[in-house]
Amino acid sequence: MKTLNVVSLILVILGGLNWLSVGVFEYDVVSEIFGGTDEVGSKIVYIVVGAAALYSLALFTKVVKDE
């Protein structure tokens, strides 16, 4: 389970960095790699990062409980 937590955290961080580049530089790294936001590869990455964010919501309760 610890591995899943780490992978989820990495994906959420990478997704956040992608949104930072979109906001600051108007450059979407994922769509650039896969050829556009409508491409299947881009959609898969967006879905996986979104699923990691949803999973991270469950981790939030663990973090709050530890303090």
N, C-alpha and C. Protein backbone atom coordinates (compact mmCIF):
# COMPACT_ATOMS: atom_id res chain seq x y z
N MET A 1 0.82 -1.19 0.00
CA MET A 1 0.00 0.00 0.00
C MET A 1 0.87 1.26 0.00
N LYS A 2 2.05 1.18 0.64
CA LYS A 2 2.93 2.33 0.68
C LYS A 2 3.37 2.71 -0.73
N THR A 3 3.60 1.74 -1.57
CA THR A 3 4.01 2.01 -2.96
C THR A 3 2.92 2.78 -3.70
N LEU A 4 1.68 2.37 -3.51
CA LEU A 4 0.56 3.07 -4.15
C LEU A 4 0.47 4.51 -3.65
N ASN A 5 0.72 4.73 -2.38
CA ASN A 5 0.71 6.09 -1.84
C ASN A 5 1.80 6.95 -2.48
N VAL A 6 2.99 6.39 -2.63
CA VAL A 6 4.10 7.14 -3.22
C VAL A 6 3.83 7.43 -4.69
N VAL A 7 3.34 6.45 -5.43
CA VAL A 7 3.03 6.64 -6.85
C VAL A 7 1.95 7.71 -7.00
N SER A 8 0.93 7.64 -6.16
CA SER A 8 -0.14 8.62 -6.20
C SER A 8 0.39 10.02 -5.93
N LEU A 9 1.24 10.16 -4.94
CA LEU A 9 1.82 11.46 -4.62
C LEU A 9 2.66 11.99 -5.78
N ILE A 10 3.45 11.15 -6.39
CA ILE A 10 4.27 11.56 -7.54
C ILE A 10 3.39 12.04 -8.69
N LEU A 11 2.32 11.29 -8.98
CA LEU A 11 1.42 11.68 -10.07
C LEU A 11 0.72 13.01 -9.78
N VAL A 12 0.32 13.21 -8.54
CA VAL A 12 -0.34 14.47 -8.19
C VAL A 12 0.65 15.63 -8.31
N ILE A 13 1.88 15.43 -7.89
CA ILE A 13 2.90 16.47 -8.02
C ILE A 13 3.17 16.78 -9.48
N LEU A 14 3.33 15.75 -10.31
CA LEU A 14 3.56 15.98 -11.74
C LEU A 14 2.38 16.69 -12.38
N GLY A 15 1.17 16.32 -12.00
CA GLY A 15 -0.02 17.00 -12.52
C GLY A 15 -0.05 18.46 -12.10
N GLY A 16 0.33 18.72 -10.86
CA GLY A 16 0.39 20.10 -10.38
C GLY A 16 1.44 20.91 -11.11
N LEU A 17 2.58 20.30 -11.39
CA LEU A 17 3.62 21.00 -12.14
C LEU A 17 3.17 21.28 -13.57
N ASN A 18 2.41 20.36 -14.16
CA ASN A 18 1.87 20.60 -15.49
C ASN A 18 0.92 21.79 -15.47
N TRP A 19 0.04 21.85 -14.46
CA TRP A 19 -0.88 22.98 -14.36
C TRP A 19 -0.13 24.28 -14.10
N LEU A 20 0.97 24.22 -13.36
CA LEU A 20 1.79 25.41 -13.15
C LEU A 20 2.34 25.92 -14.48
N SER A 21 2.82 25.00 -15.31
CA SER A 21 3.35 25.41 -16.61
C SER A 21 2.24 25.95 -17.52
N VAL A 22 1.03 25.43 -17.38
CA VAL A 22 -0.09 25.96 -18.16
C VAL A 22 -0.43 27.37 -17.69
N GLY A 23 -0.47 27.57 -16.39
CA GLY A 23 -0.84 28.88 -15.85
C GLY A 23 0.20 29.95 -16.08
N VAL A 24 1.46 29.60 -15.93
CA VAL A 24 2.52 30.61 -16.03
C VAL A 24 2.97 30.82 -17.47
N PHE A 25 3.16 29.71 -18.19
CA PHE A 25 3.76 29.79 -19.53
C PHE A 25 2.79 29.48 -20.67
N GLU A 26 1.53 29.13 -20.30
CA GLU A 26 0.55 28.70 -21.29
C GLU A 26 1.09 27.56 -22.15
N TYR A 27 1.73 26.61 -21.48
CA TYR A 27 2.36 25.46 -22.15
C TYR A 27 1.94 24.19 -21.44
N ASP A 28 1.18 23.34 -22.11
CA ASP A 28 0.71 22.08 -21.55
C ASP A 28 1.67 20.98 -21.97
N VAL A 29 2.47 20.51 -21.03
CA VAL A 29 3.49 19.51 -21.32
C VAL A 29 2.86 18.21 -21.82
N VAL A 30 1.78 17.77 -21.18
CA VAL A 30 1.14 16.51 -21.56
C VAL A 30 0.61 16.57 -22.98
N SER A 31 -0.09 17.63 -23.32
CA SER A 31 -0.63 17.72 -24.68
C SER A 31 0.48 17.88 -25.72
N GLU A 32 1.58 18.49 -25.32
CA GLU A 32 2.71 18.62 -26.23
C GLU A 32 3.35 17.26 -26.52
N ILE A 33 3.46 16.44 -25.49
CA ILE A 33 4.06 15.11 -25.66
C ILE A 33 3.17 14.22 -26.53
N PHE A 34 1.86 14.27 -26.31
CA PHE A 34 0.95 13.37 -27.00
C PHE A 34 0.27 13.97 -28.22
N GLY A 35 0.56 15.20 -28.56
CA GLY A 35 0.04 15.77 -29.79
C GLY A 35 -1.29 16.49 -29.67
N GLY A 36 -1.68 16.87 -28.49
CA GLY A 36 -2.93 17.61 -28.30
C GLY A 36 -3.73 17.06 -27.14
N THR A 37 -4.65 17.89 -26.64
CA THR A 37 -5.45 17.48 -25.48
C THR A 37 -6.52 16.45 -25.84
N ASP A 38 -6.86 16.36 -27.12
CA ASP A 38 -7.90 15.42 -27.53
C ASP A 38 -7.35 14.04 -27.89
N GLU A 39 -6.05 13.86 -27.86
CA GLU A 39 -5.45 12.57 -28.19
C GLU A 39 -5.66 11.58 -27.05
N VAL A 40 -5.69 10.30 -27.41
CA VAL A 40 -5.96 9.24 -26.44
C VAL A 40 -4.90 9.22 -25.33
N GLY A 41 -3.64 9.40 -25.69
CA GLY A 41 -2.56 9.38 -24.69
C GLY A 41 -2.73 10.48 -23.66
N SER A 42 -3.07 11.68 -24.12
CA SER A 42 -3.29 12.79 -23.20
C SER A 42 -4.45 12.50 -22.27
N LYS A 43 -5.53 11.98 -22.82
CA LYS A 43 -6.70 11.69 -21.99
C LYS A 43 -6.39 10.63 -20.94
N ILE A 44 -5.60 9.64 -21.30
CA ILE A 44 -5.21 8.60 -20.34
C ILE A 44 -4.39 9.21 -19.21
N VAL A 45 -3.42 10.06 -19.56
CA VAL A 45 -2.61 10.71 -18.52
C VAL A 45 -3.48 11.56 -17.62
N TYR A 46 -4.39 12.35 -18.19
CA TYR A 46 -5.26 13.20 -17.38
C TYR A 46 -6.14 12.35 -16.46
N ILE A 47 -6.64 11.25 -16.94
CA ILE A 47 -7.49 10.37 -16.12
C ILE A 47 -6.68 9.74 -14.99
N VAL A 48 -5.47 9.26 -15.29
CA VAL A 48 -4.64 8.63 -14.27
C VAL A 48 -4.25 9.64 -13.19
N VAL A 49 -3.89 10.86 -13.59
CA VAL A 49 -3.54 11.89 -12.61
C VAL A 49 -4.77 12.27 -11.79
N GLY A 50 -5.92 12.37 -12.42
CA GLY A 50 -7.15 12.67 -11.68
C GLY A 50 -7.51 11.57 -10.70
N ALA A 51 -7.33 10.32 -11.11
CA ALA A 51 -7.59 9.19 -10.20
C ALA A 51 -6.62 9.22 -9.03
N ALA A 52 -5.37 9.59 -9.29
CA ALA A 52 -4.38 9.71 -8.20
C ALA A 52 -4.79 10.82 -7.24
N ALA A 53 -5.34 11.90 -7.76
CA ALA A 53 -5.80 12.98 -6.89
C ALA A 53 -6.96 12.51 -6.02
N LEU A 54 -7.88 11.76 -6.60
CA LEU A 54 -9.00 11.23 -5.81
C LEU A 54 -8.49 10.27 -4.73
N TYR A 55 -7.55 9.43 -5.09
CA TYR A 55 -6.96 8.51 -4.11
C TYR A 55 -6.26 9.30 -2.99
N SER A 56 -5.62 10.40 -3.36
CA SER A 56 -4.91 11.21 -2.37
C SER A 56 -5.85 11.84 -1.36
N LEU A 57 -7.10 12.01 -1.72
CA LEU A 57 -8.08 12.50 -0.74
C LEU A 57 -8.17 11.56 0.45
N ALA A 58 -8.06 10.27 0.20
CA ALA A 58 -8.08 9.29 1.29
C ALA A 58 -6.83 9.42 2.16
N LEU A 59 -5.71 9.79 1.55
CA LEU A 59 -4.48 9.98 2.32
C LEU A 59 -4.57 11.21 3.22
N PHE A 60 -5.37 12.15 2.83
CA PHE A 60 -5.52 13.38 3.61
C PHE A 60 -5.96 13.09 5.04
N THR A 61 -6.87 12.16 5.21
CA THR A 61 -7.33 11.82 6.56
C THR A 61 -6.21 11.21 7.39
N LYS A 62 -5.32 10.45 6.75
CA LYS A 62 -4.18 9.88 7.48
C LYS A 62 -3.22 10.96 7.93
N VAL A 63 -3.00 11.95 7.09
CA VAL A 63 -2.08 13.04 7.42
C VAL A 63 -2.64 13.86 8.58
N VAL A 64 -3.92 14.15 8.53
CA VAL A 64 -4.54 14.94 9.59
C VAL A 64 -4.54 14.17 10.90
N LYS A 65 -4.78 12.86 10.83
CA LYS A 65 -4.83 12.03 12.02
C LYS A 65 -3.46 11.93 12.69
N ASP A 66 -2.38 11.94 11.91
CA ASP A 66 -1.03 11.80 12.45
C ASP A 66 -0.58 13.01 13.27
N GLU A 67 -1.15 14.16 13.02
CA GLU A 67 -0.71 15.38 13.72
C GLU A 67 -1.35 15.48 15.02
